[in-house]
């Protein structure tokens, strides 16, 4: 039963992500949607998206929690 629920959540998440217009779209909004769906599918309490800048330093791009400083702590620990 849990596998069916998770499969349904994944299917819904994929549909939401593919509904993003191909032309102009807000990258940050798509990132937040992706993180929100990941939190729901994985039953996590929060998620964050980090990308490396040109110098290799990780930067917080999006987070499901306002405490992005906490996400930055994890970034520097890794």
PDB file of N, CA and C in Angstrom:
ATOM      1  N   UNK A   1       0.828  -1.195   0.000  1.00  0.00           N
ATOM      2  CA  UNK A   1       0.000   0.000   0.000  1.00  0.00           C
ATOM      3  C   UNK A   1       0.869   1.255   0.000  1.00  0.00           C
ATOM      4  N   UNK A   2       1.902   1.301   0.850  1.00  0.00           N
ATOM      5  CA  UNK A   2       2.782   2.470   0.923  1.00  0.00           C
ATOM      6  C   UNK A   2       3.507   2.680  -0.403  1.00  0.00           C
ATOM      7  N   UNK A   3       3.871   1.587  -1.080  1.00  0.00           N
ATOM      8  CA  UNK A   3       4.551   1.700  -2.368  1.00  0.00           C
ATOM      9  C   UNK A   3       3.641   2.343  -3.409  1.00  0.00           C
ATOM     10  N   UNK A   4       2.350   2.017  -3.362  1.00  0.00           N
ATOM     11  CA  UNK A   4       1.402   2.616  -4.307  1.00  0.00           C
ATOM     12  C   UNK A   4       1.240   4.108  -4.035  1.00  0.00           C
ATOM     13  N   UNK A   5       1.189   4.468  -2.766  1.00  0.00           N
ATOM     14  CA  UNK A   5       1.052   5.889  -2.411  1.00  0.00           C
ATOM     15  C   UNK A   5       2.281   6.655  -2.880  1.00  0.00           C
ATOM     16  N   UNK A   6       3.462   6.100  -2.620  1.00  0.00           N
ATOM     17  CA  UNK A   6       4.693   6.768  -3.040  1.00  0.00           C
ATOM     18  C   UNK A   6       4.756   6.872  -4.564  1.00  0.00           C
ATOM     19  N   UNK A   7       4.365   5.817  -5.268  1.00  0.00           N
ATOM     20  CA  UNK A   7       4.361   5.843  -6.728  1.00  0.00           C
ATOM     21  C   UNK A   7       3.412   6.923  -7.241  1.00  0.00           C
ATOM     22  N   UNK A   8       2.288   7.067  -6.580  1.00  0.00           N
ATOM     23  CA  UNK A   8       1.321   8.105  -6.952  1.00  0.00           C
ATOM     24  C   UNK A   8       1.900   9.497  -6.716  1.00  0.00           C
ATOM     25  N   UNK A   9       2.579   9.676  -5.583  1.00  0.00           N
ATOM     26  CA  UNK A   9       3.216  10.964  -5.282  1.00  0.00           C
ATOM     27  C   UNK A   9       4.286  11.305  -6.312  1.00  0.00           C
ATOM     28  N   UNK A  10       5.075  10.314  -6.688  1.00  0.00           N
ATOM     29  CA  UNK A  10       6.128  10.534  -7.681  1.00  0.00           C
ATOM     30  C   UNK A  10       5.504  10.903  -9.024  1.00  0.00           C
ATOM     31  N   UNK A  11       4.456  10.197  -9.399  1.00  0.00           N
ATOM     32  CA  UNK A  11       3.771  10.497 -10.670  1.00  0.00           C
ATOM     33  C   UNK A  11       3.231  11.922 -10.677  1.00  0.00           C
ATOM     34  N   UNK A  12       2.590  12.313  -9.592  1.00  0.00           N
ATOM     35  CA  UNK A  12       2.054  13.674  -9.494  1.00  0.00           C
ATOM     36  C   UNK A  12       3.171  14.709  -9.551  1.00  0.00           C
ATOM     37  N   UNK A  13       4.278  14.432  -8.886  1.00  0.00           N
ATOM     38  CA  UNK A  13       5.414  15.361  -8.889  1.00  0.00           C
ATOM     39  C   UNK A  13       5.974  15.512 -10.298  1.00  0.00           C
ATOM     40  N   UNK A  14       6.098  14.406 -11.017  1.00  0.00           N
ATOM     41  CA  UNK A  14       6.612  14.477 -12.382  1.00  0.00           C
ATOM     42  C   UNK A  14       5.687  15.273 -13.294  1.00  0.00           C
ATOM     43  N   UNK A  15       4.388  15.104 -13.108  1.00  0.00           N
ATOM     44  CA  UNK A  15       3.429  15.868 -13.902  1.00  0.00           C
ATOM     45  C   UNK A  15       3.567  17.351 -13.601  1.00  0.00           C
ATOM     46  N   UNK A  16       3.692  17.710 -12.330  1.00  0.00           N
ATOM     47  CA  UNK A  16       3.858  19.121 -11.964  1.00  0.00           C
ATOM     48  C   UNK A  16       5.117  19.711 -12.590  1.00  0.00           C
ATOM     49  N   UNK A  17       6.202  18.942 -12.566  1.00  0.00           N
ATOM     50  CA  UNK A  17       7.459  19.455 -13.095  1.00  0.00           C
ATOM     51  C   UNK A  17       7.420  19.565 -14.620  1.00  0.00           C
ATOM     52  N   UNK A  18       6.720  18.671 -15.292  1.00  0.00           N
ATOM     53  CA  UNK A  18       6.657  18.741 -16.751  1.00  0.00           C
ATOM     54  C   UNK A  18       5.651  19.773 -17.230  1.00  0.00           C
ATOM     55  N   UNK A  19       4.813  20.270 -16.328  1.00  0.00           N
ATOM     56  CA  UNK A  19       3.878  21.333 -16.681  1.00  0.00           C
ATOM     57  C   UNK A  19       4.571  22.690 -16.791  1.00  0.00           C
ATOM     58  N   UNK A  20       5.838  22.747 -16.427  1.00  0.00           N
ATOM     59  CA  UNK A  20       6.598  24.000 -16.506  1.00  0.00           C
ATOM     60  C   UNK A  20       6.737  24.403 -17.966  1.00  0.00           C
ATOM     61  N   UNK A  21       6.401  25.643 -18.270  1.00  0.00           N
ATOM     62  CA  UNK A  21       6.528  26.091 -19.664  1.00  0.00           C
ATOM     63  C   UNK A  21       7.962  25.975 -20.162  1.00  0.00           C
ATOM     64  N   UNK A  22       8.104  25.649 -21.427  1.00  0.00           N
ATOM     65  CA  UNK A  22       9.428  25.480 -22.012  1.00  0.00           C
ATOM     66  C   UNK A  22      10.109  26.829 -22.234  1.00  0.00           C
ATOM     67  N   UNK A  23       9.355  27.845 -22.563  1.00  0.00           N
ATOM     68  CA  UNK A  23       9.924  29.165 -22.862  1.00  0.00           C
ATOM     69  C   UNK A  23      10.424  29.869 -21.626  1.00  0.00           C
ATOM     70  N   UNK A  24       9.695  30.870 -21.203  1.00  0.00           N
ATOM     71  CA  UNK A  24      10.092  31.650 -20.038  1.00  0.00           C
ATOM     72  C   UNK A  24       9.472  31.083 -18.775  1.00  0.00           C
ATOM     73  N   UNK A  25      10.300  30.892 -17.770  1.00  0.00           N
ATOM     74  CA  UNK A  25       9.823  30.438 -16.476  1.00  0.00           C
ATOM     75  C   UNK A  25      10.798  30.902 -15.410  1.00  0.00           C
ATOM     76  N   UNK A  26      10.324  30.955 -14.187  1.00  0.00           N
ATOM     77  CA  UNK A  26      11.134  31.411 -13.065  1.00  0.00           C
ATOM     78  C   UNK A  26      11.897  30.219 -12.495  1.00  0.00           C
ATOM     79  N   UNK A  27      13.203  30.221 -12.666  1.00  0.00           N
ATOM     80  CA  UNK A  27      14.037  29.109 -12.211  1.00  0.00           C
ATOM     81  C   UNK A  27      13.880  28.884 -10.708  1.00  0.00           C
ATOM     82  N   UNK A  28      13.797  29.963  -9.936  1.00  0.00           N
ATOM     83  CA  UNK A  28      13.655  29.820  -8.486  1.00  0.00           C
ATOM     84  C   UNK A  28      12.322  29.170  -8.121  1.00  0.00           C
ATOM     85  N   UNK A  29      11.270  29.532  -8.835  1.00  0.00           N
ATOM     86  CA  UNK A  29       9.965  28.939  -8.557  1.00  0.00           C
ATOM     87  C   UNK A  29       9.964  27.450  -8.905  1.00  0.00           C
ATOM     88  N   UNK A  30      10.592  27.092 -10.004  1.00  0.00           N
ATOM     89  CA  UNK A  30      10.693  25.672 -10.381  1.00  0.00           C
ATOM     90  C   UNK A  30      11.523  24.924  -9.340  1.00  0.00           C
ATOM     91  N   UNK A  31      12.584  25.548  -8.851  1.00  0.00           N
ATOM     92  CA  UNK A  31      13.422  24.924  -7.818  1.00  0.00           C
ATOM     93  C   UNK A  31      12.630  24.694  -6.538  1.00  0.00           C
ATOM     94  N   UNK A  32      11.838  25.686  -6.144  1.00  0.00           N
ATOM     95  CA  UNK A  32      11.021  25.536  -4.934  1.00  0.00           C
ATOM     96  C   UNK A  32       9.985  24.435  -5.107  1.00  0.00           C
ATOM     97  N   UNK A  33       9.380  24.357  -6.283  1.00  0.00           N
ATOM     98  CA  UNK A  33       8.403  23.304  -6.550  1.00  0.00           C
ATOM     99  C   UNK A  33       9.070  21.936  -6.476  1.00  0.00           C
ATOM    100  N   UNK A  34      10.254  21.815  -7.068  1.00  0.00           N
ATOM    101  CA  UNK A  34      11.000  20.556  -7.018  1.00  0.00           C
ATOM    102  C   UNK A  34      11.289  20.154  -5.578  1.00  0.00           C
ATOM    103  N   UNK A  35      11.751  21.101  -4.768  1.00  0.00           N
ATOM    104  CA  UNK A  35      12.063  20.798  -3.373  1.00  0.00           C
ATOM    105  C   UNK A  35      10.820  20.406  -2.586  1.00  0.00           C
ATOM    106  N   UNK A  36       9.726  21.116  -2.807  1.00  0.00           N
ATOM    107  CA  UNK A  36       8.476  20.805  -2.118  1.00  0.00           C
ATOM    108  C   UNK A  36       8.025  19.382  -2.438  1.00  0.00           C
ATOM    109  N   UNK A  37       8.125  19.016  -3.702  1.00  0.00           N
ATOM    110  CA  UNK A  37       7.722  17.671  -4.112  1.00  0.00           C
ATOM    111  C   UNK A  37       8.664  16.621  -3.523  1.00  0.00           C
ATOM    112  N   UNK A  38       9.953  16.911  -3.472  1.00  0.00           N
ATOM    113  CA  UNK A  38      10.913  15.974  -2.874  1.00  0.00           C
ATOM    114  C   UNK A  38      10.611  15.737  -1.395  1.00  0.00           C
ATOM    115  N   UNK A  39      10.291  16.819  -0.684  1.00  0.00           N
ATOM    116  CA  UNK A  39       9.959  16.699   0.739  1.00  0.00           C
ATOM    117  C   UNK A  39       8.741  15.792   0.920  1.00  0.00           C
ATOM    118  N   UNK A  40       7.737  15.981   0.067  1.00  0.00           N
ATOM    119  CA  UNK A  40       6.523  15.183   0.190  1.00  0.00           C
ATOM    120  C   UNK A  40       6.776  13.718  -0.161  1.00  0.00           C
ATOM    121  N   UNK A  41       7.460  13.467  -1.267  1.00  0.00           N
ATOM    122  CA  UNK A  41       7.696  12.083  -1.710  1.00  0.00           C
ATOM    123  C   UNK A  41       8.588  11.340  -0.726  1.00  0.00           C
ATOM    124  N   UNK A  42       9.606  12.007  -0.219  1.00  0.00           N
ATOM    125  CA  UNK A  42      10.570  11.360   0.672  1.00  0.00           C
ATOM    126  C   UNK A  42      10.180  11.440   2.142  1.00  0.00           C
ATOM    127  N   UNK A  43       9.061  12.117   2.422  1.00  0.00           N
ATOM    128  CA  UNK A  43       8.600  12.287   3.801  1.00  0.00           C
ATOM    129  C   UNK A  43       9.699  12.924   4.665  1.00  0.00           C
ATOM    130  N   UNK A  44      10.339  13.930   4.094  1.00  0.00           N
ATOM    131  CA  UNK A  44      11.410  14.649   4.789  1.00  0.00           C
ATOM    132  C   UNK A  44      10.832  15.865   5.498  1.00  0.00           C
ATOM    133  N   UNK A  45      11.584  16.419   6.412  1.00  0.00           N
ATOM    134  CA  UNK A  45      11.114  17.616   7.109  1.00  0.00           C
ATOM    135  C   UNK A  45      11.485  18.891   6.358  1.00  0.00           C
ATOM    136  N   UNK A  46      12.537  18.837   5.547  1.00  0.00           N
ATOM    137  CA  UNK A  46      12.967  20.008   4.790  1.00  0.00           C
ATOM    138  C   UNK A  46      13.931  19.573   3.697  1.00  0.00           C
ATOM    139  N   UNK A  47      14.166  20.486   2.749  1.00  0.00           N
ATOM    140  CA  UNK A  47      15.118  20.212   1.679  1.00  0.00           C
ATOM    141  C   UNK A  47      15.741  21.521   1.236  1.00  0.00           C
ATOM    142  N   UNK A  48      16.917  21.417   0.671  1.00  0.00           N
ATOM    143  CA  UNK A  48      17.595  22.590   0.154  1.00  0.00           C
ATOM    144  C   UNK A  48      18.323  22.251  -1.124  1.00  0.00           C
ATOM    145  N   UNK A  49      18.495  23.243  -1.966  1.00  0.00           N
ATOM    146  CA  UNK A  49      19.203  23.067  -3.231  1.00  0.00           C
ATOM    147  C   UNK A  49      20.445  23.939  -3.201  1.00  0.00           C
ATOM    148  N   UNK A  50      21.592  23.297  -3.336  1.00  0.00           N
ATOM    149  CA  UNK A  50      22.873  23.995  -3.339  1.00  0.00           C
ATOM    150  C   UNK A  50      23.530  23.820  -4.700  1.00  0.00           C
ATOM    151  N   UNK A  51      24.077  24.889  -5.225  1.00  0.00           N
ATOM    152  CA  UNK A  51      24.829  24.825  -6.474  1.00  0.00           C
ATOM    153  C   UNK A  51      26.201  25.439  -6.249  1.00  0.00           C
ATOM    154  N   UNK A  52      27.186  24.909  -6.941  1.00  0.00           N
ATOM    155  CA  UNK A  52      28.541  25.444  -6.818  1.00  0.00           C
ATOM    156  C   UNK A  52      28.693  26.667  -7.712  1.00  0.00           C
ATOM    157  N   UNK A  53      29.290  27.722  -7.162  1.00  0.00           N
ATOM    158  CA  UNK A  53      29.576  28.914  -7.954  1.00  0.00           C
ATOM    159  C   UNK A  53      30.864  28.670  -8.745  1.00  0.00           C
ATOM    160  N   UNK A  54      31.279  29.612  -9.581  1.00  0.00           N
ATOM    161  CA  UNK A  54      32.485  29.400 -10.403  1.00  0.00           C
ATOM    162  C   UNK A  54      33.746  29.060  -9.606  1.00  0.00           C
ATOM    163  N   UNK A  55      33.801  29.497  -8.348  1.00  0.00           N
ATOM    164  CA  UNK A  55      34.989  29.187  -7.539  1.00  0.00           C
ATOM    165  C   UNK A  55      34.864  27.849  -6.808  1.00  0.00           C
ATOM    166  N   UNK A  56      33.721  27.176  -6.981  1.00  0.00           N
ATOM    167  CA  UNK A  56      33.527  25.879  -6.339  1.00  0.00           C
ATOM    168  C   UNK A  56      32.833  25.935  -4.995  1.00  0.00           C
ATOM    169  N   UNK A  57      32.538  27.135  -4.520  1.00  0.00           N
ATOM    170  CA  UNK A  57      31.837  27.287  -3.241  1.00  0.00           C
ATOM    171  C   UNK A  57      30.351  26.985  -3.427  1.00  0.00           C
ATOM    172  N   UNK A  58      29.774  26.244  -2.486  1.00  0.00           N
ATOM    173  CA  UNK A  58      28.352  25.936  -2.556  1.00  0.00           C
ATOM    174  C   UNK A  58      27.523  27.131  -2.106  1.00  0.00           C
ATOM    175  N   UNK A  59      26.480  27.420  -2.860  1.00  0.00           N
ATOM    176  CA  UNK A  59      25.579  28.525  -2.561  1.00  0.00           C
ATOM    177  C   UNK A  59      24.156  27.980  -2.460  1.00  0.00           C
ATOM    178  N   UNK A  60      23.388  28.468  -1.506  1.00  0.00           N
ATOM    179  CA  UNK A  60      21.994  28.072  -1.364  1.00  0.00           C
ATOM    180  C   UNK A  60      21.188  28.745  -2.473  1.00  0.00           C
ATOM    181  N   UNK A  61      20.492  27.927  -3.263  1.00  0.00           N
ATOM    182  CA  UNK A  61      19.657  28.444  -4.340  1.00  0.00           C
ATOM    183  C   UNK A  61      18.209  28.515  -3.887  1.00  0.00           C
ATOM    184  N   UNK A  62      17.764  27.462  -3.209  1.00  0.00           N
ATOM    185  CA  UNK A  62      16.380  27.411  -2.733  1.00  0.00           C
ATOM    186  C   UNK A  62      16.321  26.498  -1.517  1.00  0.00           C
ATOM    187  N   UNK A  63      15.311  26.731  -0.688  1.00  0.00           N
ATOM    188  CA  UNK A  63      15.137  25.939   0.521  1.00  0.00           C
ATOM    189  C   UNK A  63      13.659  25.906   0.879  1.00  0.00           C
ATOM    190  N   UNK A  64      13.232  24.810   1.494  1.00  0.00           N
ATOM    191  CA  UNK A  64      11.837  24.724   1.922  1.00  0.00           C
ATOM    192  C   UNK A  64      11.631  25.354   3.277  1.00  0.00           C
ATOM    193  N   UNK A  65      12.722  25.740   3.926  1.00  0.00           N
ATOM    194  CA  UNK A  65      12.625  26.398   5.223  1.00  0.00           C
ATOM    195  C   UNK A  65      13.265  27.773   5.120  1.00  0.00           C
ATOM    196  N   UNK A  66      12.814  28.671   5.953  1.00  0.00           N
ATOM    197  CA  UNK A  66      13.360  30.029   5.943  1.00  0.00           C
ATOM    198  C   UNK A  66      14.769  30.082   6.510  1.00  0.00           C
ATOM    199  N   UNK A  67      15.128  29.106   7.306  1.00  0.00           N
ATOM    200  CA  UNK A  67      16.445  29.115   7.950  1.00  0.00           C
ATOM    201  C   UNK A  67      17.513  28.643   6.965  1.00  0.00           C
ATOM    202  N   UNK A  68      17.731  29.430   5.911  1.00  0.00           N
ATOM    203  CA  UNK A  68      18.710  29.032   4.910  1.00  0.00           C
ATOM    204  C   UNK A  68      20.117  29.019   5.488  1.00  0.00           C
ATOM    205  N   UNK A  69      20.323  29.726   6.608  1.00  0.00           N
ATOM    206  CA  UNK A  69      21.635  29.678   7.242  1.00  0.00           C
ATOM    207  C   UNK A  69      21.941  28.264   7.720  1.00  0.00           C
ATOM    208  N   UNK A  70      20.900  27.503   8.110  1.00  0.00           N
ATOM    209  CA  UNK A  70      21.091  26.109   8.509  1.00  0.00           C
ATOM    210  C   UNK A  70      21.539  25.280   7.311  1.00  0.00           C
ATOM    211  N   UNK A  71      20.965  25.541   6.156  1.00  0.00           N
ATOM    212  CA  UNK A  71      21.368  24.844   4.941  1.00  0.00           C
ATOM    213  C   UNK A  71      22.819  25.174   4.621  1.00  0.00           C
ATOM    214  N   UNK A  72      23.209  26.421   4.819  1.00  0.00           N
ATOM    215  CA  UNK A  72      24.597  26.818   4.558  1.00  0.00           C
ATOM    216  C   UNK A  72      25.562  26.117   5.488  1.00  0.00           C
ATOM    217  N   UNK A  73      25.139  25.847   6.724  1.00  0.00           N
ATOM    218  CA  UNK A  73      26.002  25.108   7.656  1.00  0.00           C
ATOM    219  C   UNK A  73      26.274  23.714   7.110  1.00  0.00           C
ATOM    220  N   UNK A  74      25.234  23.060   6.583  1.00  0.00           N
ATOM    221  CA  UNK A  74      25.419  21.733   6.004  1.00  0.00           C
ATOM    222  C   UNK A  74      26.326  21.819   4.778  1.00  0.00           C
ATOM    223  N   UNK A  75      26.227  22.879   4.032  1.00  0.00           N
ATOM    224  CA  UNK A  75      27.045  23.040   2.837  1.00  0.00           C
ATOM    225  C   UNK A  75      28.530  23.130   3.191  1.00  0.00           C
ATOM    226  N   UNK A  76      28.844  23.868   4.241  1.00  0.00           N
ATOM    227  CA  UNK A  76      30.238  24.021   4.628  1.00  0.00           C
ATOM    228  C   UNK A  76      30.774  22.790   5.338  1.00  0.00           C
ATOM    229  N   UNK A  77      29.885  21.976   5.902  1.00  0.00           N
ATOM    230  CA  UNK A  77      30.321  20.763   6.588  1.00  0.00           C
ATOM    231  C   UNK A  77      30.706  19.668   5.610  1.00  0.00           C
ATOM    232  N   UNK A  78      30.137  19.715   4.401  1.00  0.00           N
ATOM    233  CA  UNK A  78      30.383  18.655   3.411  1.00  0.00           C
ATOM    234  C   UNK A  78      31.586  18.909   2.665  1.00  0.00           C
TER     235      UNK A  78
END
